[in-house]
N, C-alpha and C. Protein backbone atom coordinates (compact mmCIF):
# COMPACT_ATOMS: atom_id res chain seq x y z
N MET A 1 26.89 -29.22 -24.94
CA MET A 1 27.41 -28.11 -24.10
C MET A 1 26.50 -27.51 -23.30
N SER A 2 26.20 -26.54 -22.81
CA SER A 2 24.89 -25.21 -21.61
C SER A 2 25.70 -24.32 -22.53
N ASP A 3 24.74 -23.40 -22.72
CA ASP A 3 24.46 -21.60 -22.99
C ASP A 3 25.21 -20.93 -21.85
N ILE A 4 26.30 -20.22 -22.10
CA ILE A 4 27.10 -19.50 -21.64
C ILE A 4 25.04 -17.74 -20.81
N VAL A 5 26.04 -18.31 -19.36
CA VAL A 5 25.14 -17.03 -18.45
C VAL A 5 25.70 -15.81 -17.59
N ASN A 6 25.49 -15.09 -18.43
CA ASN A 6 25.17 -13.48 -17.13
C ASN A 6 25.05 -13.97 -15.29
N LEU A 7 25.71 -14.54 -15.10
CA LEU A 7 25.58 -14.38 -13.57
C LEU A 7 25.72 -13.29 -12.61
N ASN A 8 25.99 -11.77 -13.51
CA ASN A 8 25.59 -10.82 -12.83
C ASN A 8 23.54 -10.39 -13.34
N ARG A 9 23.69 -10.55 -14.65
CA ARG A 9 21.96 -10.40 -15.19
C ARG A 9 20.10 -11.56 -14.63
N PHE A 10 21.47 -12.80 -14.91
CA PHE A 10 20.82 -14.44 -13.94
C PHE A 10 20.26 -13.00 -11.83
N ARG A 11 21.86 -12.64 -11.50
CA ARG A 11 21.51 -12.17 -10.37
C ARG A 11 20.94 -11.65 -10.08
N LYS A 12 20.07 -10.39 -10.78
CA LYS A 12 18.87 -9.18 -10.76
C LYS A 12 18.03 -8.93 -11.32
N ALA A 13 17.84 -10.81 -11.98
CA ALA A 13 17.20 -11.55 -12.41
C ALA A 13 15.46 -12.01 -11.46
N GLN A 14 16.71 -13.08 -10.15
CA GLN A 14 16.09 -13.57 -9.65
C GLN A 14 15.88 -12.65 -8.67
N ASN A 15 16.54 -11.59 -8.70
CA ASN A 15 16.06 -10.18 -7.41
C ASN A 15 14.52 -9.77 -7.49
N ARG A 16 14.53 -9.85 -8.43
CA ARG A 16 13.40 -9.37 -9.30
C ARG A 16 12.08 -9.75 -8.87
N VAL A 17 12.35 -11.09 -9.23
CA VAL A 17 11.65 -11.96 -8.72
C VAL A 17 11.09 -11.70 -7.33
N LYS A 18 12.27 -13.10 -6.42
CA LYS A 18 11.67 -12.02 -5.42
C LYS A 18 11.34 -10.87 -5.12
N LYS A 19 11.85 -10.14 -4.75
CA LYS A 19 11.33 -8.79 -4.73
C LYS A 19 9.31 -8.72 -4.61
N ARG A 20 9.45 -9.07 -5.93
CA ARG A 20 7.35 -8.94 -6.90
C ARG A 20 6.73 -9.87 -5.89
N ALA A 21 7.04 -10.58 -5.34
CA ALA A 21 7.00 -12.07 -4.54
C ALA A 21 6.29 -11.06 -3.07
N GLN A 22 7.48 -10.43 -2.73
CA GLN A 22 6.89 -10.32 -1.54
C GLN A 22 6.03 -8.57 -1.58
N ALA A 23 6.48 -8.26 -2.33
CA ALA A 23 5.16 -6.92 -2.98
C ALA A 23 4.37 -7.57 -2.64
N ASP A 24 3.39 -8.50 -3.84
CA ASP A 24 2.48 -8.94 -3.99
C ASP A 24 1.78 -9.49 -2.46
N GLU A 25 2.28 -9.88 -2.06
CA GLU A 25 2.64 -10.56 -0.01
C GLU A 25 1.74 -9.75 0.02
N ASN A 26 2.73 -8.03 0.70
CA ASN A 26 2.85 -7.71 1.50
C ASN A 26 1.51 -7.18 0.32
N ALA A 27 0.56 -6.94 -0.08
CA ALA A 27 -0.75 -5.85 -0.69
C ALA A 27 -1.46 -6.44 0.13
N VAL A 28 -1.29 -8.02 -0.26
CA VAL A 28 -2.29 -9.07 0.01
C VAL A 28 -2.67 -8.59 0.98
N LYS A 29 -1.73 -8.56 2.54
CA LYS A 29 -1.15 -8.89 4.14
C LYS A 29 -2.12 -7.15 4.39
N PHE A 30 -1.68 -6.46 3.74
CA PHE A 30 -2.16 -4.87 4.11
C PHE A 30 -2.64 -3.91 3.27
N GLY A 31 -3.35 -4.22 2.43
CA GLY A 31 -3.96 -3.57 1.31
C GLY A 31 -5.69 -3.35 1.86
N ARG A 32 -5.88 -2.26 1.00
CA ARG A 32 -7.02 -2.38 1.31
C ARG A 32 -7.78 -2.06 0.25
N SER A 33 -9.41 -2.45 0.54
CA SER A 33 -9.91 -1.91 -1.00
C SER A 33 -10.21 -0.83 -1.24
N LYS A 34 -11.23 -0.18 -2.42
CA LYS A 34 -11.55 1.17 -3.10
C LYS A 34 -12.47 1.65 -1.69
N SER A 35 -13.39 0.72 -1.24
CA SER A 35 -14.21 1.28 -0.54
C SER A 35 -14.23 1.33 0.72
N GLU A 36 -13.29 0.99 1.97
CA GLU A 36 -12.12 0.68 2.98
C GLU A 36 -12.20 1.22 2.97
N ARG A 37 -10.89 2.22 1.95
CA ARG A 37 -10.99 3.55 2.29
C ARG A 37 -11.91 4.96 2.06
N GLU A 38 -12.41 4.40 1.63
CA GLU A 38 -13.63 5.23 0.82
C GLU A 38 -13.99 5.32 2.88
N LEU A 39 -15.23 3.97 3.30
CA LEU A 39 -15.17 4.76 4.01
C LEU A 39 -14.65 4.58 5.59
N ASP A 40 -13.66 4.65 6.13
CA ASP A 40 -12.02 5.60 7.04
C ASP A 40 -12.56 6.67 6.62
N GLU A 41 -12.22 7.64 5.08
CA GLU A 41 -12.38 8.51 5.00
C GLU A 41 -13.72 9.20 5.32
N ALA A 42 -14.81 8.65 4.85
CA ALA A 42 -16.35 8.98 5.46
C ALA A 42 -16.52 9.99 7.53
N ARG A 43 -15.86 8.69 7.43
CA ARG A 43 -15.79 8.27 8.98
C ARG A 43 -15.01 9.63 9.18
N ALA A 44 -14.04 9.54 9.25
CA ALA A 44 -12.66 10.81 9.59
C ALA A 44 -13.84 12.31 9.88
N GLU A 45 -14.13 12.25 8.53
CA GLU A 45 -14.45 13.45 7.82
C GLU A 45 -15.80 14.21 8.91
N LYS A 46 -16.45 12.94 9.04
CA LYS A 46 -17.51 13.21 9.84
C LYS A 46 -17.12 13.26 11.55
N ALA A 47 -15.86 12.86 11.98
CA ALA A 47 -16.25 12.88 13.07
C ALA A 47 -15.42 14.43 13.64
N ARG A 48 -14.66 15.18 12.21
CA ARG A 48 -14.06 16.31 12.08
C ARG A 48 -15.41 17.23 12.37
N GLU A 49 -16.21 17.30 10.70
CA GLU A 49 -17.56 17.86 11.16
C GLU A 49 -17.80 17.98 12.10
N VAL A 50 -17.92 17.12 13.46
CA VAL A 50 -18.97 16.47 15.31
C VAL A 50 -17.83 17.33 15.92
N LEU A 51 -17.15 17.07 15.54
CA LEU A 51 -15.97 18.04 16.12
C LEU A 51 -15.26 20.10 16.43
N ARG A 52 -15.85 19.82 14.83
CA ARG A 52 -15.87 21.75 14.75
C ARG A 52 -17.34 22.20 14.67
N GLN A 53 -18.33 21.61 15.50
CA GLN A 53 -19.61 21.97 15.76
C GLN A 53 -19.46 21.96 16.95
N HIS A 54 -18.54 21.48 17.97
CA HIS A 54 -18.42 21.54 19.28
C HIS A 54 -17.62 22.84 20.07
N ARG A 55 -17.03 23.16 19.33
CA ARG A 55 -16.41 23.96 19.19
C ARG A 55 -16.71 25.42 19.45
N LEU A 56 -16.48 25.85 21.62
CA LEU A 56 -17.12 27.31 21.96
C LEU A 56 -16.80 28.65 20.79
N ASP A 57 -16.11 28.69 20.64
CA ASP A 57 -15.60 29.99 20.48
C ASP A 57 -14.70 29.38 18.50
N GLU A 58 -16.52 29.93 17.44
CA GLU A 58 -15.31 30.24 16.24
C GLU A 58 -15.50 31.56 15.36
N GLU A 59 -14.23 30.98 14.51
CA GLU A 59 -13.02 31.97 13.90
C GLU A 59 -13.48 32.36 13.07
């Protein structure tokens, strides 16, 4: 005879595994490294600074 299995627990565990696999896939697909995020932030900061320097009236 086999062991008794709680189907609700089994279903929830199976869903957790599927969601974790999807999350890992998305992290690889859409994630960026720390250096990429820092580079984007530095470029945005430089663009804000250039824009600020070209303003006609200072407040």
